[in-house]
Amino acid sequence: MRVVSGSCKGRPLKAVPGNSTRPTTDKVKEALFNMIGPYFDGGLGLDLFAGSGGLGLEALSRGLDKVIFIDREPKAIQTIFENLSACRFEEKAEVYRNDADRAIKPLIKREIAFDYVFLDPPYKKQQLVHLMEKMDKLGLVKLDGLIVCEHSFDIELPQAVGRFSQMKHEKYGMIAVTIYSCGSEQ
C-alpha cells in the first residue's frame, strides 16, 4: 500500500494491524482519483471510515488543502497519525476517533461543508444511503462537491439521494466505486 501520485508519490503507507479494516488497493485508488481529479487545486475533504487514511492521504498528495479523518477504531487512528507523519501532512489534517454517524454532528456545529467526501464503510454494515441522506439534509457537501463510495460489487446504490446524483459507477473485481455529485435543491 502506497501513495499512488502527487507530492508523496510512491511513499509507503502502513496498514491497520489485524483484520478489522480492508485497505483500498492501489489499482482502485488510482482509478477512483482518475475519475474525480486526478489532481486538485485546493479544497476540503472528509475521509469517513478512514482506516489507514489511504484515501485522504492520496487526496492531500494530489492537492487538497485539508482532510478530516474519522474512524472509530483506536488502531486505525494510530495508523492514520503514523501515515500523516510519514507524508508530513500533520498540519493539513484533523483526526477524530468517533462513530461515523455521531461524527457528523460536531462538523455541523462548525458549519463545515466539504468538496470531497470519501465513504468506505465495512461492506457488511452498509450505511451509505443513510449517511448521504443525513449529509444532504445537514448541508455537509458543497454545491458541485463529490461523494465517493467504495462498496461491495453486489451493492446497487440508487441513482439519486436527495441532492446527490450518481455520475459514475465502476466495478473492479469484488469492489465497486460509485461517485455522486451534489447539485442544487430538487
N, C-alpha and C. Protein backbone atom coordinates (compact mmCIF):
# COMPACT_ATOMS: atom_id res chain seq x y z
N MET A 1 0.85 -1.18 0.00
CA MET A 1 0.00 0.00 0.00
C MET A 1 0.90 1.24 0.00
N ARG A 2 0.56 2.18 -0.90
CA ARG A 2 1.41 3.36 -1.05
C ARG A 2 0.56 4.53 -1.54
N VAL A 3 1.15 5.72 -1.54
CA VAL A 3 0.54 6.88 -2.18
C VAL A 3 0.84 6.73 -3.67
N VAL A 4 -0.20 6.80 -4.49
CA VAL A 4 -0.06 6.50 -5.91
C VAL A 4 0.49 7.66 -6.71
N SER A 5 0.09 8.91 -6.39
CA SER A 5 0.50 10.04 -7.20
C SER A 5 0.56 11.32 -6.37
N GLY A 6 1.11 12.37 -6.96
CA GLY A 6 1.16 13.67 -6.29
C GLY A 6 2.46 13.89 -5.55
N SER A 7 2.42 14.80 -4.58
CA SER A 7 3.62 15.22 -3.87
C SER A 7 4.27 14.11 -3.06
N CYS A 8 3.52 13.10 -2.66
CA CYS A 8 4.08 11.98 -1.89
C CYS A 8 4.09 10.68 -2.70
N LYS A 9 4.11 10.79 -4.01
CA LYS A 9 4.06 9.61 -4.89
C LYS A 9 5.09 8.57 -4.46
N GLY A 10 4.61 7.33 -4.35
CA GLY A 10 5.48 6.22 -4.00
C GLY A 10 5.71 6.01 -2.53
N ARG A 11 5.29 6.93 -1.68
CA ARG A 11 5.50 6.81 -0.24
C ARG A 11 4.72 5.61 0.30
N PRO A 12 5.40 4.66 0.95
CA PRO A 12 4.68 3.51 1.52
C PRO A 12 3.80 3.94 2.69
N LEU A 13 2.65 3.30 2.81
CA LEU A 13 1.72 3.58 3.91
C LEU A 13 1.56 2.32 4.75
N LYS A 14 1.42 2.52 6.05
CA LYS A 14 1.18 1.39 6.94
C LYS A 14 -0.29 1.00 6.87
N ALA A 15 -0.55 -0.28 7.01
CA ALA A 15 -1.92 -0.78 7.10
C ALA A 15 -2.30 -0.89 8.57
N VAL A 16 -3.58 -0.85 8.85
CA VAL A 16 -4.06 -1.02 10.21
C VAL A 16 -3.80 -2.47 10.62
N PRO A 17 -3.16 -2.70 11.78
CA PRO A 17 -2.89 -4.08 12.21
C PRO A 17 -4.19 -4.86 12.40
N GLY A 18 -4.14 -6.16 12.11
CA GLY A 18 -5.31 -7.02 12.28
C GLY A 18 -6.16 -7.08 11.02
N ASN A 19 -7.34 -7.65 11.17
CA ASN A 19 -8.24 -7.85 10.04
C ASN A 19 -9.48 -6.97 10.09
N SER A 20 -9.47 -5.93 10.93
CA SER A 20 -10.69 -5.12 11.10
C SER A 20 -10.91 -4.14 9.96
N THR A 21 -9.87 -3.83 9.18
CA THR A 21 -10.05 -2.91 8.06
C THR A 21 -9.57 -3.55 6.76
N ARG A 22 -10.06 -3.02 5.66
CA ARG A 22 -9.73 -3.51 4.33
C ARG A 22 -9.22 -2.32 3.53
N PRO A 23 -7.90 -2.20 3.35
CA PRO A 23 -7.37 -1.03 2.65
C PRO A 23 -7.77 -1.03 1.17
N THR A 24 -7.96 0.15 0.62
CA THR A 24 -8.24 0.30 -0.79
C THR A 24 -6.98 -0.04 -1.57
N THR A 25 -7.09 -0.90 -2.56
CA THR A 25 -5.92 -1.30 -3.34
C THR A 25 -5.41 -0.10 -4.16
N ASP A 26 -4.15 -0.14 -4.50
CA ASP A 26 -3.56 0.93 -5.30
C ASP A 26 -4.27 1.06 -6.64
N LYS A 27 -4.65 -0.07 -7.23
CA LYS A 27 -5.34 -0.05 -8.53
C LYS A 27 -6.67 0.69 -8.43
N VAL A 28 -7.45 0.38 -7.41
CA VAL A 28 -8.76 1.03 -7.23
C VAL A 28 -8.56 2.50 -6.88
N LYS A 29 -7.57 2.79 -6.03
CA LYS A 29 -7.29 4.18 -5.64
C LYS A 29 -6.94 5.02 -6.88
N GLU A 30 -6.08 4.48 -7.73
CA GLU A 30 -5.69 5.22 -8.93
C GLU A 30 -6.89 5.45 -9.85
N ALA A 31 -7.70 4.43 -10.05
CA ALA A 31 -8.89 4.57 -10.91
C ALA A 31 -9.87 5.58 -10.32
N LEU A 32 -10.09 5.50 -9.03
CA LEU A 32 -11.01 6.41 -8.34
C LEU A 32 -10.57 7.87 -8.52
N PHE A 33 -9.30 8.15 -8.29
CA PHE A 33 -8.82 9.53 -8.39
C PHE A 33 -8.77 10.01 -9.85
N ASN A 34 -8.57 9.10 -10.78
CA ASN A 34 -8.64 9.50 -12.19
C ASN A 34 -10.06 9.91 -12.55
N MET A 35 -11.06 9.34 -11.87
CA MET A 35 -12.46 9.70 -12.14
C MET A 35 -12.82 11.07 -11.56
N ILE A 36 -12.23 11.44 -10.43
CA ILE A 36 -12.64 12.68 -9.76
C ILE A 36 -11.63 13.80 -9.87
N GLY A 37 -10.45 13.55 -10.34
CA GLY A 37 -9.39 14.55 -10.36
C GLY A 37 -8.76 14.66 -11.72
N PRO A 38 -7.61 14.14 -11.86
CA PRO A 38 -6.85 13.36 -10.88
C PRO A 38 -6.11 14.21 -9.85
N TYR A 39 -6.02 15.54 -10.10
CA TYR A 39 -5.34 16.41 -9.16
C TYR A 39 -6.30 17.54 -8.77
N PHE A 40 -6.00 18.18 -7.64
CA PHE A 40 -6.90 19.20 -7.11
C PHE A 40 -6.17 20.51 -6.90
N ASP A 41 -6.93 21.58 -7.01
CA ASP A 41 -6.40 22.91 -6.73
C ASP A 41 -7.03 23.37 -5.42
N GLY A 42 -6.64 22.73 -4.33
CA GLY A 42 -7.20 23.05 -3.02
C GLY A 42 -8.48 22.30 -2.75
N GLY A 43 -9.13 22.66 -1.65
CA GLY A 43 -10.39 22.04 -1.27
C GLY A 43 -10.29 21.32 0.06
N LEU A 44 -11.45 20.95 0.58
CA LEU A 44 -11.57 20.28 1.88
C LEU A 44 -12.18 18.91 1.70
N GLY A 45 -11.56 17.90 2.30
CA GLY A 45 -12.04 16.53 2.19
C GLY A 45 -12.40 15.93 3.53
N LEU A 46 -13.28 14.93 3.49
CA LEU A 46 -13.67 14.15 4.67
C LEU A 46 -13.45 12.69 4.33
N ASP A 47 -12.61 12.02 5.11
CA ASP A 47 -12.37 10.58 4.95
C ASP A 47 -13.05 9.89 6.13
N LEU A 48 -14.30 9.48 5.90
CA LEU A 48 -15.10 8.80 6.92
C LEU A 48 -14.82 7.31 6.81
N PHE A 49 -14.77 6.58 7.90
CA PHE A 49 -14.32 5.18 7.91
C PHE A 49 -12.89 5.15 7.36
N ALA A 50 -12.03 6.01 7.87
CA ALA A 50 -10.73 6.28 7.26
C ALA A 50 -9.78 5.09 7.26
N GLY A 51 -9.89 4.17 8.21
CA GLY A 51 -8.95 3.04 8.23
C GLY A 51 -7.53 3.53 8.38
N SER A 52 -6.67 3.24 7.42
CA SER A 52 -5.28 3.69 7.45
C SER A 52 -5.13 5.13 6.99
N GLY A 53 -6.22 5.70 6.43
CA GLY A 53 -6.18 7.07 5.91
C GLY A 53 -5.75 7.15 4.46
N GLY A 54 -5.68 6.02 3.78
CA GLY A 54 -5.16 5.97 2.41
C GLY A 54 -5.86 6.89 1.43
N LEU A 55 -7.19 6.98 1.47
CA LEU A 55 -7.90 7.83 0.52
C LEU A 55 -7.65 9.31 0.81
N GLY A 56 -7.74 9.69 2.07
CA GLY A 56 -7.49 11.09 2.43
C GLY A 56 -6.06 11.51 2.17
N LEU A 57 -5.11 10.63 2.44
CA LEU A 57 -3.70 10.93 2.17
C LEU A 57 -3.45 11.09 0.68
N GLU A 58 -4.08 10.24 -0.11
CA GLU A 58 -3.96 10.36 -1.57
C GLU A 58 -4.51 11.71 -2.04
N ALA A 59 -5.65 12.10 -1.46
CA ALA A 59 -6.26 13.39 -1.82
C ALA A 59 -5.35 14.56 -1.44
N LEU A 60 -4.71 14.49 -0.27
CA LEU A 60 -3.77 15.53 0.13
C LEU A 60 -2.56 15.56 -0.81
N SER A 61 -2.05 14.40 -1.14
CA SER A 61 -0.90 14.31 -2.04
C SER A 61 -1.23 14.90 -3.41
N ARG A 62 -2.50 14.81 -3.80
CA ARG A 62 -2.93 15.30 -5.11
C ARG A 62 -3.46 16.74 -5.06
N GLY A 63 -3.33 17.41 -3.91
CA GLY A 63 -3.59 18.84 -3.89
C GLY A 63 -4.71 19.37 -3.01
N LEU A 64 -5.44 18.53 -2.27
CA LEU A 64 -6.43 19.10 -1.34
C LEU A 64 -5.69 19.87 -0.25
N ASP A 65 -6.33 20.93 0.25
CA ASP A 65 -5.73 21.74 1.31
C ASP A 65 -5.76 21.05 2.65
N LYS A 66 -6.86 20.34 2.92
CA LYS A 66 -7.06 19.76 4.25
C LYS A 66 -8.02 18.58 4.15
N VAL A 67 -7.80 17.58 5.01
CA VAL A 67 -8.70 16.43 5.11
C VAL A 67 -8.95 16.15 6.58
N ILE A 68 -10.22 15.88 6.90
CA ILE A 68 -10.61 15.42 8.23
C ILE A 68 -10.79 13.91 8.15
N PHE A 69 -10.05 13.20 9.00
CA PHE A 69 -10.08 11.74 9.04
C PHE A 69 -10.90 11.30 10.25
N ILE A 70 -11.82 10.36 10.04
CA ILE A 70 -12.63 9.85 11.15
C ILE A 70 -12.70 8.33 11.06
N ASP A 71 -12.43 7.69 12.18
CA ASP A 71 -12.59 6.24 12.30
C ASP A 71 -12.88 5.95 13.76
N ARG A 72 -13.54 4.85 14.01
CA ARG A 72 -13.89 4.52 15.40
C ARG A 72 -12.90 3.58 16.07
N GLU A 73 -11.99 2.98 15.28
CA GLU A 73 -11.05 2.00 15.83
C GLU A 73 -9.75 2.67 16.30
N PRO A 74 -9.35 2.43 17.55
CA PRO A 74 -8.10 3.03 18.05
C PRO A 74 -6.87 2.68 17.20
N LYS A 75 -6.78 1.43 16.72
CA LYS A 75 -5.63 1.04 15.89
C LYS A 75 -5.62 1.84 14.59
N ALA A 76 -6.78 2.11 14.04
CA ALA A 76 -6.86 2.90 12.81
C ALA A 76 -6.38 4.32 13.07
N ILE A 77 -6.81 4.91 14.17
CA ILE A 77 -6.41 6.28 14.50
C ILE A 77 -4.90 6.38 14.63
N GLN A 78 -4.29 5.42 15.32
CA GLN A 78 -2.83 5.40 15.47
C GLN A 78 -2.15 5.28 14.11
N THR A 79 -2.68 4.43 13.24
CA THR A 79 -2.10 4.23 11.91
C THR A 79 -2.23 5.50 11.07
N ILE A 80 -3.36 6.19 11.16
CA ILE A 80 -3.54 7.45 10.43
C ILE A 80 -2.48 8.46 10.85
N PHE A 81 -2.27 8.60 12.17
CA PHE A 81 -1.25 9.54 12.66
C PHE A 81 0.13 9.17 12.12
N GLU A 82 0.46 7.88 12.12
CA GLU A 82 1.77 7.44 11.61
C GLU A 82 1.91 7.75 10.11
N ASN A 83 0.85 7.50 9.35
CA ASN A 83 0.90 7.76 7.91
C ASN A 83 0.95 9.26 7.61
N LEU A 84 0.22 10.05 8.38
CA LEU A 84 0.29 11.51 8.22
C LEU A 84 1.70 12.01 8.47
N SER A 85 2.33 11.49 9.50
CA SER A 85 3.70 11.87 9.84
C SER A 85 4.67 11.47 8.72
N ALA A 86 4.51 10.26 8.20
CA ALA A 86 5.39 9.79 7.12
C ALA A 86 5.28 10.67 5.88
N CYS A 87 4.09 11.21 5.65
CA CYS A 87 3.87 12.08 4.48
C CYS A 87 4.06 13.56 4.81
N ARG A 88 4.32 13.87 6.07
CA ARG A 88 4.47 15.25 6.54
C ARG A 88 3.21 16.09 6.28
N PHE A 89 2.06 15.49 6.53
CA PHE A 89 0.78 16.17 6.33
C PHE A 89 0.07 16.49 7.64
N GLU A 90 0.78 16.46 8.76
CA GLU A 90 0.13 16.70 10.06
C GLU A 90 -0.62 18.02 10.10
N GLU A 91 -0.06 19.05 9.47
CA GLU A 91 -0.67 20.39 9.51
C GLU A 91 -1.89 20.51 8.59
N LYS A 92 -2.08 19.52 7.73
CA LYS A 92 -3.18 19.56 6.75
C LYS A 92 -4.30 18.62 7.14
N ALA A 93 -4.30 18.14 8.38
CA ALA A 93 -5.27 17.11 8.76
C ALA A 93 -5.79 17.32 10.17
N GLU A 94 -7.01 16.82 10.35
CA GLU A 94 -7.59 16.65 11.68
C GLU A 94 -8.01 15.19 11.75
N VAL A 95 -7.78 14.56 12.90
CA VAL A 95 -8.10 13.14 13.07
C VAL A 95 -8.96 12.98 14.31
N TYR A 96 -10.08 12.27 14.15
CA TYR A 96 -11.01 12.06 15.26
C TYR A 96 -11.42 10.60 15.35
N ARG A 97 -11.47 10.12 16.59
CA ARG A 97 -11.97 8.78 16.84
C ARG A 97 -13.44 8.92 17.19
N ASN A 98 -14.29 8.41 16.31
CA ASN A 98 -15.73 8.53 16.52
C ASN A 98 -16.45 7.60 15.56
N ASP A 99 -17.67 7.28 15.89
CA ASP A 99 -18.57 6.56 15.01
C ASP A 99 -18.98 7.51 13.89
N ALA A 100 -19.10 7.01 12.68
CA ALA A 100 -19.40 7.85 11.51
C ALA A 100 -20.66 8.68 11.70
N ASP A 101 -21.72 8.05 12.17
CA ASP A 101 -23.00 8.73 12.34
C ASP A 101 -22.89 9.87 13.35
N ARG A 102 -22.22 9.60 14.48
CA ARG A 102 -22.07 10.62 15.52
C ARG A 102 -21.07 11.70 15.14
N ALA A 103 -20.12 11.37 14.30
CA ALA A 103 -19.07 12.33 13.93
C ALA A 103 -19.61 13.49 13.12
N ILE A 104 -20.74 13.29 12.49
CA ILE A 104 -21.31 14.34 11.63
C ILE A 104 -21.79 15.54 12.46
N LYS A 105 -22.32 15.30 13.64
CA LYS A 105 -22.88 16.39 14.46
C LYS A 105 -21.87 17.50 14.77
N PRO A 106 -20.66 17.18 15.24
CA PRO A 106 -19.71 18.26 15.51
C PRO A 106 -19.31 19.04 14.25
N LEU A 107 -19.32 18.37 13.10
CA LEU A 107 -18.98 19.06 11.85
C LEU A 107 -20.04 20.10 11.51
N ILE A 108 -21.30 19.77 11.80
CA ILE A 108 -22.41 20.70 11.55
C ILE A 108 -22.24 21.94 12.44
N LYS A 109 -21.90 21.72 13.70
CA LYS A 109 -21.73 22.85 14.62
C LYS A 109 -20.62 23.79 14.15
N ARG A 110 -19.63 23.25 13.46
CA ARG A 110 -18.53 24.06 12.95
C ARG A 110 -18.87 24.69 11.59
N GLU A 111 -20.05 24.38 11.08
CA GLU A 111 -20.52 24.91 9.79
C GLU A 111 -19.53 24.59 8.66
N ILE A 112 -19.07 23.34 8.64
CA ILE A 112 -18.14 22.88 7.61
C ILE A 112 -18.93 22.26 6.47
N ALA A 113 -18.51 22.55 5.23
CA ALA A 113 -19.04 21.86 4.05
C ALA A 113 -17.84 21.38 3.24
N PHE A 114 -17.93 20.17 2.74
CA PHE A 114 -16.80 19.52 2.08
C PHE A 114 -16.91 19.55 0.56
N ASP A 115 -15.74 19.60 -0.07
CA ASP A 115 -15.65 19.47 -1.52
C ASP A 115 -15.66 18.00 -1.93
N TYR A 116 -15.04 17.15 -1.10
CA TYR A 116 -14.94 15.72 -1.38
C TYR A 116 -15.18 14.93 -0.11
N VAL A 117 -16.04 13.92 -0.21
CA VAL A 117 -16.30 13.02 0.91
C VAL A 117 -16.00 11.60 0.44
N PHE A 118 -15.16 10.90 1.19
CA PHE A 118 -14.81 9.52 0.88
C PHE A 118 -15.48 8.61 1.89
N LEU A 119 -16.35 7.72 1.39
CA LEU A 119 -17.08 6.79 2.23
C LEU A 119 -16.67 5.37 1.87
N ASP A 120 -16.02 4.70 2.79
CA ASP A 120 -15.58 3.33 2.56
C ASP A 120 -15.88 2.50 3.80
N PRO A 121 -17.20 2.30 4.09
CA PRO A 121 -17.58 1.59 5.32
C PRO A 121 -17.33 0.09 5.20
N PRO A 122 -17.34 -0.60 6.34
CA PRO A 122 -17.27 -2.06 6.27
C PRO A 122 -18.39 -2.58 5.37
N TYR A 123 -18.05 -3.49 4.48
CA TYR A 123 -19.03 -3.97 3.50
C TYR A 123 -20.25 -4.62 4.13
N LYS A 124 -20.06 -5.26 5.28
CA LYS A 124 -21.19 -5.95 5.92
C LYS A 124 -22.12 -5.01 6.66
N LYS A 125 -21.72 -3.77 6.85
CA LYS A 125 -22.54 -2.81 7.59
C LYS A 125 -22.76 -1.56 6.74
N GLN A 126 -23.30 -1.75 5.57
CA GLN A 126 -23.50 -0.62 4.65
C GLN A 126 -24.42 0.42 5.27
N GLN A 127 -23.96 1.66 5.27
CA GLN A 127 -24.73 2.79 5.76
C GLN A 127 -24.70 3.91 4.74
N LEU A 128 -24.31 3.61 3.53
CA LEU A 128 -24.06 4.66 2.55
C LEU A 128 -25.26 5.56 2.29
N VAL A 129 -26.42 4.97 2.01
CA VAL A 129 -27.60 5.78 1.70
C VAL A 129 -28.00 6.60 2.92
N HIS A 130 -28.01 5.99 4.09
CA HIS A 130 -28.36 6.69 5.33
C HIS A 130 -27.42 7.90 5.55
N LEU A 131 -26.12 7.69 5.40
CA LEU A 131 -25.15 8.77 5.61
C LEU A 131 -25.31 9.88 4.57
N MET A 132 -25.55 9.49 3.31
CA MET A 132 -25.74 10.52 2.28
C MET A 132 -27.01 11.32 2.52
N GLU A 133 -28.08 10.66 2.96
CA GLU A 133 -29.32 11.38 3.28
C GLU A 133 -29.06 12.39 4.39
N LYS A 134 -28.32 11.96 5.41
CA LYS A 134 -28.00 12.83 6.53
C LYS A 134 -27.13 14.01 6.09
N MET A 135 -26.12 13.74 5.28
CA MET A 135 -25.24 14.81 4.79
C MET A 135 -26.00 15.80 3.92
N ASP A 136 -26.95 15.29 3.13
CA ASP A 136 -27.76 16.16 2.29
C ASP A 136 -28.63 17.07 3.15
N LYS A 137 -29.30 16.47 4.11
CA LYS A 137 -30.20 17.22 4.99
C LYS A 137 -29.45 18.30 5.77
N LEU A 138 -28.22 17.99 6.17
CA LEU A 138 -27.45 18.91 7.00
C LEU A 138 -26.51 19.82 6.21
N GLY A 139 -26.50 19.68 4.89
CA GLY A 139 -25.68 20.55 4.05
C GLY A 139 -24.19 20.39 4.23
N LEU A 140 -23.72 19.14 4.42
CA LEU A 140 -22.30 18.89 4.66
C LEU A 140 -21.45 18.87 3.40
N VAL A 141 -22.08 18.85 2.23
CA VAL A 141 -21.33 18.79 0.98
C VAL A 141 -21.62 20.04 0.16
N LYS A 142 -20.57 20.70 -0.31
CA LYS A 142 -20.73 21.91 -1.10
C LYS A 142 -21.41 21.62 -2.43
N LEU A 143 -22.06 22.63 -2.97
CA LEU A 143 -22.63 22.53 -4.30
C LEU A 143 -21.50 22.15 -5.26
N ASP A 144 -21.74 21.18 -6.09
CA ASP A 144 -20.74 20.61 -7.02
C ASP A 144 -19.69 19.75 -6.31
N GLY A 145 -19.87 19.52 -5.00
CA GLY A 145 -18.99 18.61 -4.28
C GLY A 145 -19.25 17.18 -4.69
N LEU A 146 -18.33 16.29 -4.36
CA LEU A 146 -18.45 14.89 -4.73
C LEU A 146 -18.42 13.98 -3.51
N ILE A 147 -19.21 12.91 -3.59
CA ILE A 147 -19.15 11.84 -2.60
C ILE A 147 -18.66 10.60 -3.32
N VAL A 148 -17.60 10.00 -2.82
CA VAL A 148 -17.02 8.81 -3.41
C VAL A 148 -17.32 7.64 -2.48
N CYS A 149 -18.06 6.66 -2.98
CA CYS A 149 -18.45 5.49 -2.19
C CYS A 149 -17.71 4.27 -2.70
N GLU A 150 -16.99 3.61 -1.82
CA GLU A 150 -16.41 2.32 -2.17
C GLU A 150 -17.24 1.26 -1.47
N HIS A 151 -17.64 0.24 -2.23
CA HIS A 151 -18.54 -0.76 -1.66
C HIS A 151 -18.38 -2.09 -2.38
N SER A 152 -19.05 -3.10 -1.87
CA SER A 152 -19.03 -4.41 -2.50
C SER A 152 -19.68 -4.34 -3.87
N PHE A 153 -19.15 -5.11 -4.83
CA PHE A 153 -19.65 -5.07 -6.20
C PHE A 153 -21.13 -5.43 -6.32
N ASP A 154 -21.66 -6.17 -5.36
CA ASP A 154 -23.05 -6.61 -5.46
C ASP A 154 -24.05 -5.66 -4.80
N ILE A 155 -23.60 -4.52 -4.32
CA ILE A 155 -24.48 -3.50 -3.75
C ILE A 155 -24.90 -2.55 -4.85
N GLU A 156 -26.20 -2.38 -5.03
CA GLU A 156 -26.74 -1.43 -6.01
C GLU A 156 -27.18 -0.17 -5.26
N LEU A 157 -26.53 0.93 -5.53
CA LEU A 157 -26.90 2.20 -4.90
C LEU A 157 -27.88 2.94 -5.80
N PRO A 158 -28.76 3.76 -5.22
CA PRO A 158 -29.75 4.49 -6.03
C PRO A 158 -29.10 5.52 -6.95
N GLN A 159 -29.81 5.89 -8.02
CA GLN A 159 -29.33 6.91 -8.95
C GLN A 159 -29.23 8.28 -8.29
N ALA A 160 -30.12 8.53 -7.31
CA ALA A 160 -30.12 9.83 -6.63
C ALA A 160 -30.44 9.63 -5.15
N VAL A 161 -29.80 10.45 -4.31
CA VAL A 161 -30.08 10.51 -2.88
C VAL A 161 -30.14 11.99 -2.55
N GLY A 162 -31.36 12.51 -2.35
CA GLY A 162 -31.51 13.95 -2.10
C GLY A 162 -30.94 14.74 -3.26
N ARG A 163 -30.01 15.67 -2.95
CA ARG A 163 -29.36 16.50 -3.99
C ARG A 163 -28.22 15.78 -4.68
N PHE A 164 -27.89 14.57 -4.25
CA PHE A 164 -26.75 13.83 -4.81
C PHE A 164 -27.21 12.96 -5.97
N SER A 165 -26.58 13.15 -7.12
CA SER A 165 -26.89 12.35 -8.31
C SER A 165 -25.69 11.50 -8.69
N GLN A 166 -25.96 10.23 -8.97
CA GLN A 166 -24.89 9.32 -9.35
C GLN A 166 -24.33 9.75 -10.70
N MET A 167 -23.01 9.95 -10.74
CA MET A 167 -22.39 10.36 -12.01
C MET A 167 -21.47 9.30 -12.60
N LYS A 168 -20.97 8.38 -11.75
CA LYS A 168 -20.13 7.30 -12.24
C LYS A 168 -20.29 6.08 -11.35
N HIS A 169 -20.17 4.92 -11.99
CA HIS A 169 -20.19 3.66 -11.25
C HIS A 169 -19.28 2.69 -12.00
N GLU A 170 -18.28 2.19 -11.32
CA GLU A 170 -17.33 1.25 -11.93
C GLU A 170 -17.10 0.08 -10.99
N LYS A 171 -16.85 -1.10 -11.58
CA LYS A 171 -16.54 -2.30 -10.80
C LYS A 171 -15.11 -2.72 -11.07
N TYR A 172 -14.46 -3.16 -9.99
CA TYR A 172 -13.09 -3.65 -10.05
C TYR A 172 -13.05 -4.96 -9.28
N GLY A 173 -13.39 -6.05 -9.94
CA GLY A 173 -13.47 -7.34 -9.27
C GLY A 173 -14.58 -7.34 -8.24
N MET A 174 -14.22 -7.56 -6.99
CA MET A 174 -15.20 -7.63 -5.89
C MET A 174 -15.55 -6.25 -5.33
N ILE A 175 -14.91 -5.20 -5.85
CA ILE A 175 -15.09 -3.84 -5.34
C ILE A 175 -15.78 -2.99 -6.39
N ALA A 176 -16.65 -2.10 -5.93
CA ALA A 176 -17.27 -1.12 -6.82
C ALA A 176 -17.04 0.27 -6.25
N VAL A 177 -16.99 1.25 -7.15
CA VAL A 177 -16.88 2.66 -6.77
C VAL A 177 -18.04 3.39 -7.42
N THR A 178 -18.81 4.11 -6.59
CA THR A 178 -19.92 4.92 -7.09
C THR A 178 -19.65 6.34 -6.64
N ILE A 179 -19.75 7.27 -7.60
CA ILE A 179 -19.47 8.67 -7.32
C ILE A 179 -20.73 9.49 -7.54
N TYR A 180 -21.03 10.33 -6.55
CA TYR A 180 -22.19 11.21 -6.60
C TYR A 180 -21.74 12.66 -6.64
N SER A 181 -22.48 13.46 -7.38
CA SER A 181 -22.24 14.90 -7.44
C SER A 181 -23.38 15.61 -6.72
N CYS A 182 -23.05 16.67 -5.99
CA CYS A 182 -24.05 17.42 -5.25
C CYS A 182 -24.58 18.56 -6.13
N GLY A 183 -25.87 18.51 -6.44
CA GLY A 183 -26.49 19.57 -7.24
C GLY A 183 -27.34 20.47 -6.36
N SER A 184 -28.11 21.35 -6.99
CA SER A 184 -28.97 22.26 -6.24
C SER A 184 -30.22 21.53 -5.79
N GLU A 185 -31.02 22.22 -4.99
CA GLU A 185 -32.26 21.65 -4.46
C GLU A 185 -33.13 21.10 -5.57
N GLN A 186 -33.77 19.95 -5.32
CA GLN A 186 -34.64 19.36 -6.32
C GLN A 186 -36.09 19.65 -6.02
